[in-house]
Amino acid sequence: MDTCSLKGDGEWNEDALVIHEEACVYGVVDGATSLSPYRNPEGQTGGYIAAQLAAIYFMGMNPHGKLEQTAAEANQALWQQMVAEGVDIGEAANRWSAALVVVQIHEYSVEYVQAGDCMLLARYKDGTIRALTHPQLAHVDRKTLDKMAQLRAEGISDPAELRIRLTPHLTGNRALANTIHGYGVLNGDPRFPQFLEKGTFNRANLESLYMFTDGLYTEESKWSELTDALDRLGAEGYAGALHDKEQEDRMLLEVPRLKVSDDKTCVVLHLG
């Protein structure tokens, strides 16, 4: 097993690792940066709280439990915590949320659940790379980046100013969570279980599994190149090298994105 969790430019690392070896459960969680100014007494953001809550539920699950049920329980607990903290959950942009991908390894098969844009890839003994999930927010992110390009064409180049101008657009994106025209994400919404992706695949000739948050890839990433880099450099080595490269592109020109460096979390499992 090879893991990393590297904080980006934010105040908190809003990603979390899931490691529950007794239950053979592994994964990553990516808390979404809050659009509301909420902070708890410790100064923690809603995205940080959501990611930690989800990770705690998976790391505490019964070894004979089900990933799908655990995700639903975490979602309900998040709703209850937001209500207790006085969050205006009537507005989707105020809700704390988290993307995730978590697997449970069995003797002959692998089960998984996924929400948002966390990814699960498999490598087989013949070198084949298989994507078990897809980034559910890709269509939303593309529209946001197109809007950013439009603003740049109008003469706005400062990343902070771009972020301010994009805030209404980002707020609208949150309203698409757990809807048929949007994407699935753990945010307390009772519709979340209907948008949780899940499945089982067999372990025949399966060599490695890769789980990672969206800070480790862009829409231009090629999965074979990413998995090769993770194997060659290690999770921490790859995440660190990517972070350094992003810091050299602080104006967000070389690779269009919404922040200089996002949090980066990864679990790589090499299966015997």
Foldseek 3Di string as FASTA:
>chain_A
DFKDWFAAPDPDRLKDWADQVVLQKTKIKFKDFALDCDADPVRDGLSNVLNVLLSVLRNPDDSPDDPLVSLLVSLQVQLVVCVVVVFPVVQLSRFIWMWMKMWGDDPWKIKIKTWAAKWKWWAFPVGDIDTPDHHQQVVLQVVLLVVLVVVVVVPDQALVVSLVVCSVSVSVLSVQELHPPHIAIRGNDNSRSVRMDIDMDTCVRIFKMKIKDCLLDDPPDDVSVSVVCCVVLNQVRSLVVVSVVLVVVQSCDVPNDNGSGHIIIMDMDGDD
